[in-house]
Amino acid sequence: MASLRARLGWRRGSRARSRHANPARAAGLAGGSRASEQGVSGYKIELVTERAAVERWSAALDALAVAIAAFEIVPGGAWRIEAYALEPPDENAVRAALRTAAEAARVALPGFHVQPLPPVDWLAENRRSFPAQALGRFFIHGSHHDGRVPAGRIGLRLDAATAFGSGEHATTRGCLDALARLAKRTRVRRPLDLGCGSGILALAIAKLWRTRVRAADIDPEAVRVTRDNAALNGVAPLVRAARSDGYRARLVRAGRPYDVIVSNILAQPLARFAPALRRHLARGGTAILSGLLVAQEPPVIAAQRRQGLALTRVSRRDGWSTLEFRRRRARPADPI
C-alpha cells in the first residue's frame, strides 16, 4: 500500500489515489496540444477492476497518461481507474499495454473505453470547487479570494494542489476542530503533523500557537506542497517538513517527545503506528487521529489502548471519525 500511495498519492473524499488533486485539470491546463485545437481539454481512459488489480492496471497505463486516479466505487467493492492524456490515445497501444500486464499476471484482459473531455474553464472551476469557507476558528480560502479574513478567525490560504487537505473533507474538519478545542486549554510547544498532505494541519498549529511544528509524509510531493503552503501563509520559519515512512525520519525522531501529535491518514497505519506513537508522545500529551470510517474505530481504538493511551473524545462527521487520546502522566513506578 505504501508504494501505491507514494507513486499516486492519496485522496480520501472518494477514496481515490491520484497524482493530482484534480487529474482532469492536469490534462486540461496544458496549452497548444492537439486536444485544445480540437475543442476538448484532454482524453480519459477508463476501466473498472477489483482493488487487488488497481496497481497492476495503473502501472500499465502509466506511460500513456499525464495523470491517473483510482476511485473506490462502493466501499469494499469495485474500483474505477481513470487515466488522463493530452493527446488522443491510440487504442491499440492501450490494449497492448493492458495485454502485457494481463499476460504477466495470467489474468484476463480488462475492458476499457476512451472518451474526450469537454472544454473547461479551470480557473472558474477551481473557484467553484474550492470556495472560501469558515470552519470554526479557521477561515480557509484560495489565492482567488479577494476579501478579508473575518474578524476573530485564523486565515489558512490553500489552493487546489497535488496533496490531500483543503479543509473540505470531514477528517480534516475533525482535526481542525480538535486543535481549536485543545488551544483553549493547553499551550503546545512540541507538535507533530504526521501524514501532513497539503500541510493544512501544520499551518493551523503554527498559527494557533505561533510555535514551531514538524510535519512529515511518505509522499515527497506532499512535503513540497507543505513547504510551499507554509511560505504562502507566512509561517515558513515555523514549519519543518520531511519525507518519512511513519515515524522513521530523523526529523520526526529528533523532535520527540511531542505534546501533541495529529495524524490524519488511514485506519490500518493508525493502528500499526500505535507503538511508535506512544514512544513519540510525551506524558500527558494528546494524539488526534483521523482518516478512518466510523466502522473502523474498534481496531484503531484497541491498538492505542494496548499502548496505554486513554480515549478522551470521539467526533463523527459524514461517516468519518476523529479520535482524541491522551497519554497518562507518569506515576512513580511507571517505566519511561
Protein backbone atom coordinates (compact mmCIF):
# COMPACT_ATOMS: atom_id res chain seq x y z
CA MET A 1 0.00 0.00 0.00
CA ALA A 2 2.85 2.37 0.79
CA SER A 3 4.30 2.05 -2.72
CA LEU A 4 0.91 2.78 -4.28
CA ARG A 5 0.50 5.82 -2.11
CA ALA A 6 4.00 7.12 -2.85
CA ARG A 7 3.51 6.75 -6.59
CA LEU A 8 -0.03 8.03 -6.93
CA GLY A 9 -0.69 9.97 -3.75
CA TRP A 10 -3.91 9.89 -1.72
CA ARG A 11 -7.36 11.49 -1.83
CA ARG A 12 -9.92 10.44 0.75
CA GLY A 13 -13.07 12.21 -0.40
CA SER A 14 -13.94 9.48 -2.90
CA ARG A 15 -11.36 7.01 -1.61
CA ALA A 16 -9.12 7.92 -4.53
CA ARG A 17 -5.44 7.64 -5.22
CA SER A 18 -4.20 10.27 -7.60
CA ARG A 19 -1.08 12.14 -8.61
CA HIS A 20 -3.09 15.33 -8.89
CA ALA A 21 -5.81 16.84 -6.73
CA ASN A 22 -7.75 17.15 -9.98
CA PRO A 23 -6.32 14.82 -12.65
CA ALA A 24 -8.64 16.16 -15.35
CA ARG A 25 -7.40 19.63 -14.56
CA ALA A 26 -3.82 18.44 -15.04
CA ALA A 27 -4.74 17.23 -18.50
CA GLY A 28 -6.62 20.39 -19.40
CA LEU A 29 -4.10 23.03 -18.31
CA ALA A 30 -1.52 22.36 -20.99
CA GLY A 31 -1.97 24.71 -23.91
CA GLY A 32 -1.17 24.11 -27.54
CA SER A 33 -1.97 20.41 -27.52
CA ARG A 34 -3.98 18.66 -30.20
CA ALA A 35 -6.77 18.36 -27.63
CA SER A 36 -7.06 22.15 -27.29
CA GLU A 37 -7.01 22.54 -31.06
CA GLN A 38 -9.92 20.09 -31.34
CA GLY A 39 -12.03 21.92 -28.75
CA VAL A 40 -11.57 19.40 -25.93
CA SER A 41 -9.47 19.62 -22.78
CA GLY A 42 -7.99 16.14 -22.98
CA TYR A 43 -8.90 12.45 -23.06
CA LYS A 44 -9.76 9.86 -20.46
CA ILE A 45 -9.06 6.13 -20.48
CA GLU A 46 -11.42 4.39 -18.07
CA LEU A 47 -11.75 0.84 -16.76
CA VAL A 48 -13.35 -0.91 -13.79
CA THR A 49 -11.48 -3.55 -11.79
CA GLU A 50 -11.07 -5.10 -8.35
CA ARG A 51 -8.99 -3.46 -5.63
CA ALA A 52 -6.18 -6.00 -5.92
CA ALA A 53 -5.67 -5.13 -9.59
CA VAL A 54 -5.58 -1.33 -9.26
CA GLU A 55 -1.79 -1.14 -9.04
CA ARG A 56 -1.36 -3.52 -11.99
CA TRP A 57 -3.56 -1.63 -14.46
CA SER A 58 -2.43 1.79 -13.22
CA ALA A 59 1.19 0.82 -13.85
CA ALA A 60 0.28 -0.48 -17.30
CA LEU A 61 -1.32 2.86 -18.25
CA ASP A 62 1.36 4.99 -16.64
CA ALA A 63 3.37 5.71 -19.79
CA LEU A 64 0.23 6.70 -21.71
CA ALA A 65 -1.10 9.27 -19.24
CA VAL A 66 -0.20 12.55 -17.55
CA ALA A 67 -2.34 11.70 -14.53
CA ILE A 68 -4.01 8.61 -13.09
CA ALA A 69 -6.68 8.30 -10.41
CA ALA A 70 -8.32 5.24 -8.88
CA PHE A 71 -11.70 5.54 -7.16
CA GLU A 72 -13.44 3.03 -4.91
CA ILE A 73 -16.96 2.95 -6.41
CA VAL A 74 -18.59 1.42 -3.31
CA PRO A 75 -16.86 0.51 -0.02
CA GLY A 76 -15.34 -2.94 -0.35
CA GLY A 77 -16.39 -3.21 -4.00
CA ALA A 78 -15.10 -2.43 -7.48
CA TRP A 79 -12.69 0.37 -8.36
CA ARG A 80 -12.67 2.69 -11.35
CA ILE A 81 -9.34 3.73 -12.87
CA GLU A 82 -9.18 6.95 -14.87
CA ALA A 83 -6.05 7.76 -16.88
CA TYR A 84 -5.84 11.23 -18.44
CA ALA A 85 -3.97 12.12 -21.63
CA LEU A 86 -3.39 15.34 -23.56
CA GLU A 87 -3.41 13.70 -26.99
CA PRO A 88 -5.94 11.17 -28.35
CA PRO A 89 -4.76 7.79 -27.02
CA ASP A 90 -4.01 5.08 -29.56
CA GLU A 91 -6.49 2.39 -28.51
CA ASN A 92 -4.22 -0.31 -29.92
CA ALA A 93 -1.39 0.96 -27.71
CA VAL A 94 -3.70 1.00 -24.68
CA ARG A 95 -4.85 -2.54 -25.43
CA ALA A 96 -1.25 -3.70 -25.91
CA ALA A 97 -0.13 -2.18 -22.59
CA LEU A 98 -3.00 -3.81 -20.72
CA ARG A 99 -2.44 -7.13 -22.52
CA THR A 100 1.23 -7.18 -21.48
CA ALA A 101 0.22 -6.67 -17.85
CA ALA A 102 -2.55 -9.24 -18.11
CA GLU A 103 -0.27 -11.87 -19.57
CA ALA A 104 2.37 -11.25 -16.91
CA ALA A 105 -0.24 -11.78 -14.19
CA ARG A 106 -2.02 -14.56 -16.12
CA VAL A 107 -5.38 -12.83 -15.90
CA ALA A 108 -7.97 -11.76 -18.44
CA LEU A 109 -7.60 -8.54 -20.41
CA PRO A 110 -9.90 -5.90 -18.87
CA GLY A 111 -12.34 -3.90 -20.92
CA PHE A 112 -11.78 -0.16 -21.25
CA HIS A 113 -13.08 2.84 -23.14
CA VAL A 114 -11.64 6.18 -24.23
CA GLN A 115 -13.57 9.43 -24.26
CA PRO A 116 -12.76 13.11 -24.87
CA LEU A 117 -13.09 15.60 -22.04
CA PRO A 118 -15.17 18.71 -22.76
CA PRO A 119 -13.55 22.17 -22.63
CA VAL A 120 -13.44 23.57 -19.11
CA ASP A 121 -12.60 26.99 -17.69
CA TRP A 122 -10.32 25.60 -14.99
CA LEU A 123 -9.90 28.88 -13.15
CA ALA A 124 -13.66 29.24 -12.75
CA GLU A 125 -13.97 25.53 -11.94
CA ASN A 126 -11.32 25.82 -9.25
CA ARG A 127 -13.13 28.75 -7.65
CA ARG A 128 -16.44 26.87 -7.66
CA SER A 129 -14.93 23.70 -6.23
CA PHE A 130 -12.89 25.48 -3.57
CA PRO A 131 -14.89 28.43 -2.21
CA ALA A 132 -13.78 30.30 0.89
CA GLN A 133 -15.21 28.62 3.99
CA ALA A 134 -15.35 29.31 7.70
CA LEU A 135 -14.62 26.22 9.80
CA GLY A 136 -14.79 27.00 13.49
CA ARG A 137 -11.84 29.25 14.34
CA PHE A 138 -10.45 28.97 10.82
CA PHE A 139 -11.20 30.68 7.53
CA ILE A 140 -9.88 28.65 4.61
CA HIS A 141 -9.54 30.29 1.23
CA GLY A 142 -7.66 30.11 -2.05
CA SER A 143 -5.49 32.73 -3.69
CA HIS A 144 -8.51 33.80 -5.74
CA HIS A 145 -10.28 35.07 -2.59
CA ASP A 146 -10.11 38.87 -2.71
CA GLY A 147 -11.91 39.55 0.57
CA ARG A 148 -10.60 39.82 4.09
CA VAL A 149 -10.34 37.13 6.72
CA PRO A 150 -13.32 37.64 9.05
CA ALA A 151 -12.53 39.15 12.43
CA GLY A 152 -11.76 36.56 15.08
CA ARG A 153 -10.82 33.82 12.63
CA ILE A 154 -7.45 32.43 11.59
CA GLY A 155 -6.86 32.54 7.85
CA LEU A 156 -5.44 29.48 6.06
CA ARG A 157 -4.60 30.12 2.42
CA LEU A 158 -4.60 26.99 0.27
CA ASP A 159 -5.00 26.33 -3.44
CA ALA A 160 -6.05 23.12 -5.17
CA ALA A 161 -2.83 21.14 -5.34
CA THR A 162 -1.29 17.69 -5.62
CA ALA A 163 -1.62 16.76 -1.94
CA PHE A 164 -4.64 15.94 0.21
CA GLY A 165 -6.02 18.56 2.58
CA SER A 166 -8.13 21.56 1.57
CA GLY A 167 -10.38 21.60 4.64
CA GLU A 168 -13.39 20.26 2.76
CA HIS A 169 -13.14 16.68 3.96
CA ALA A 170 -14.74 15.57 7.22
CA THR A 171 -11.47 14.18 8.58
CA THR A 172 -9.63 17.49 8.09
CA ARG A 173 -12.51 19.36 9.72
CA GLY A 174 -12.49 16.95 12.63
CA CYS A 175 -8.78 17.55 13.22
CA LEU A 176 -9.15 21.34 12.94
CA ASP A 177 -11.97 21.28 15.49
CA ALA A 178 -9.89 19.15 17.85
CA LEU A 179 -6.91 21.52 17.57
CA ALA A 180 -9.12 24.54 18.24
CA ARG A 181 -10.52 22.88 21.38
CA LEU A 182 -7.03 21.97 22.54
CA ALA A 183 -5.88 25.57 22.09
CA LYS A 184 -8.46 26.72 24.64
CA ARG A 185 -6.89 24.72 27.44
CA THR A 186 -3.28 23.89 26.52
CA ARG A 187 -0.12 25.66 25.43
CA VAL A 188 1.53 23.46 22.78
CA ARG A 189 5.29 23.69 22.34
CA ARG A 190 6.34 20.49 20.53
CA PRO A 191 3.77 19.47 17.89
CA LEU A 192 3.94 16.92 15.07
CA ASP A 193 1.74 16.56 11.98
CA LEU A 194 2.26 13.01 10.70
CA GLY A 195 0.81 12.45 7.23
CA CYS A 196 0.73 16.17 6.53
CA GLY A 197 -0.65 16.13 2.96
CA SER A 198 -1.07 19.79 1.99
CA GLY A 199 0.20 20.87 5.41
CA ILE A 200 -3.14 22.35 6.44
CA LEU A 201 -2.95 20.97 9.99
CA ALA A 202 0.66 22.03 10.42
CA LEU A 203 -0.31 25.54 9.27
CA ALA A 204 -3.21 25.56 11.73
CA ILE A 205 -0.90 24.54 14.58
CA ALA A 206 1.70 27.15 13.66
CA LYS A 207 -0.92 29.89 13.58
CA LEU A 208 -2.84 28.78 16.66
CA TRP A 209 0.17 28.64 18.95
CA ARG A 210 2.84 30.59 16.99
CA THR A 211 5.14 27.67 17.62
CA ARG A 212 7.45 25.55 15.52
CA VAL A 213 5.86 22.41 14.13
CA ARG A 214 7.34 19.36 12.43
CA ALA A 215 5.44 17.81 9.54
CA ALA A 216 6.04 14.54 7.70
CA ASP A 217 4.53 12.49 4.90
CA ILE A 218 5.54 9.38 2.98
CA ASP A 219 4.83 11.25 -0.28
CA PRO A 220 7.62 13.68 -1.28
CA GLU A 221 5.08 15.72 -3.25
CA ALA A 222 3.14 16.34 -0.03
CA VAL A 223 6.34 17.55 1.61
CA ARG A 224 6.92 20.01 -1.23
CA VAL A 225 3.34 21.27 -1.11
CA THR A 226 3.51 21.69 2.67
CA ARG A 227 6.63 23.82 2.37
CA ASP A 228 5.04 25.91 -0.38
CA ASN A 229 1.88 26.43 1.68
CA ALA A 230 3.89 27.39 4.74
CA ALA A 231 5.58 30.11 2.69
CA LEU A 232 2.23 31.20 1.22
CA ASN A 233 0.86 31.61 4.76
CA GLY A 234 3.87 33.42 6.17
CA VAL A 235 4.86 30.64 8.57
CA ALA A 236 7.76 29.05 6.66
CA PRO A 237 10.17 29.68 9.57
CA LEU A 238 7.83 27.73 11.86
CA VAL A 239 7.15 24.65 9.69
CA ARG A 240 9.77 21.99 9.00
CA ALA A 241 8.66 19.21 6.67
CA ALA A 242 10.36 15.97 5.65
CA ARG A 243 9.56 12.70 3.92
CA SER A 244 9.00 9.92 6.43
CA ASP A 245 7.64 6.40 6.41
CA GLY A 246 5.75 6.59 9.66
CA TYR A 247 7.92 7.91 12.48
CA ARG A 248 11.23 6.79 10.94
CA ALA A 249 12.64 10.06 9.58
CA ARG A 250 15.37 11.77 11.57
CA LEU A 251 13.35 14.99 11.68
CA VAL A 252 10.48 13.15 13.37
CA ARG A 253 12.62 11.18 15.82
CA ALA A 254 14.69 14.22 16.82
CA GLY A 255 11.63 16.22 17.85
CA ARG A 256 10.23 13.81 20.42
CA PRO A 257 8.64 13.78 22.89
CA TYR A 258 5.72 15.69 21.36
CA ASP A 259 2.98 17.24 23.45
CA VAL A 260 0.56 16.89 20.54
CA ILE A 261 0.59 14.55 17.54
CA VAL A 262 -2.05 14.92 14.85
CA SER A 263 -2.25 12.19 12.23
CA ASN A 264 -4.91 12.24 9.51
CA ILE A 265 -4.03 9.18 7.44
CA LEU A 266 -5.89 5.83 7.24
CA ALA A 267 -7.14 3.24 9.70
CA GLN A 268 -4.57 0.50 9.09
CA PRO A 269 -1.46 2.66 9.52
CA LEU A 270 -3.05 4.40 12.51
CA ALA A 271 -3.35 1.02 14.21
CA ARG A 272 0.07 -0.15 13.04
CA PHE A 273 1.83 3.01 14.21
CA ALA A 274 0.34 2.88 17.73
CA PRO A 275 3.56 1.67 19.46
CA ALA A 276 5.63 4.35 17.69
CA LEU A 277 3.03 6.98 18.57
CA ARG A 278 3.32 6.11 22.27
CA ARG A 279 7.13 6.33 22.10
CA HIS A 280 6.94 9.77 20.50
CA LEU A 281 4.14 11.23 22.62
CA ALA A 282 5.05 12.96 25.87
CA ARG A 283 3.46 12.01 29.18
CA GLY A 284 0.20 13.94 29.36
CA GLY A 285 0.38 14.58 25.60
CA THR A 286 -2.57 14.49 23.19
CA ALA A 287 -2.93 12.45 20.00
CA ILE A 288 -5.53 13.43 17.40
CA LEU A 289 -6.14 10.61 14.91
CA SER A 290 -8.38 10.68 11.85
CA GLY A 291 -8.78 9.32 8.34
CA LEU A 292 -10.89 6.38 9.45
CA LEU A 293 -14.53 5.47 8.92
CA VAL A 294 -16.87 5.02 11.89
CA ALA A 295 -16.87 1.27 11.24
CA GLN A 296 -13.06 1.24 11.54
CA GLU A 297 -12.99 2.74 15.02
CA PRO A 298 -12.69 -0.51 17.09
CA PRO A 299 -9.30 -1.76 15.81
CA VAL A 300 -7.77 1.73 15.86
CA ILE A 301 -9.00 2.42 19.40
CA ALA A 302 -7.90 -1.02 20.60
CA ALA A 303 -4.40 -0.53 19.19
CA GLN A 304 -3.94 2.76 21.07
CA ARG A 305 -5.36 1.37 24.32
CA ARG A 306 -2.89 -1.50 24.19
CA GLN A 307 -0.19 1.18 24.38
CA GLY A 308 -1.75 2.71 27.48
CA LEU A 309 -3.39 5.66 25.71
CA ALA A 310 -6.75 6.80 27.05
CA LEU A 311 -9.54 7.68 24.63
CA THR A 312 -10.88 11.11 25.60
CA ARG A 313 -13.20 12.04 22.74
CA VAL A 314 -14.78 10.63 19.58
CA SER A 315 -16.14 13.03 16.94
CA ARG A 316 -18.06 11.82 13.91
CA ARG A 317 -18.98 13.64 10.72
CA ASP A 318 -20.39 12.26 7.45
CA GLY A 319 -19.44 8.70 8.39
CA TRP A 320 -15.82 9.60 9.32
CA SER A 321 -14.26 9.64 12.78
CA THR A 322 -11.74 11.76 14.63
CA LEU A 323 -10.34 10.20 17.80
CA GLU A 324 -8.57 12.02 20.63
CA PHE A 325 -6.26 10.19 23.03
CA ARG A 326 -4.15 11.22 25.98
CA ARG A 327 -1.02 9.56 27.30
CA ARG A 328 -1.26 9.22 31.04
CA ARG A 329 1.18 11.15 33.15
CA ALA A 330 3.96 9.19 34.80
CA ARG A 331 3.48 7.52 38.14
CA PRO A 332 6.49 6.68 40.35
CA ALA A 333 6.57 3.03 39.26
CA ASP A 334 5.84 3.66 35.57
CA PRO A 335 8.58 2.86 33.03
CA ILE A 336 9.61 5.67 30.71
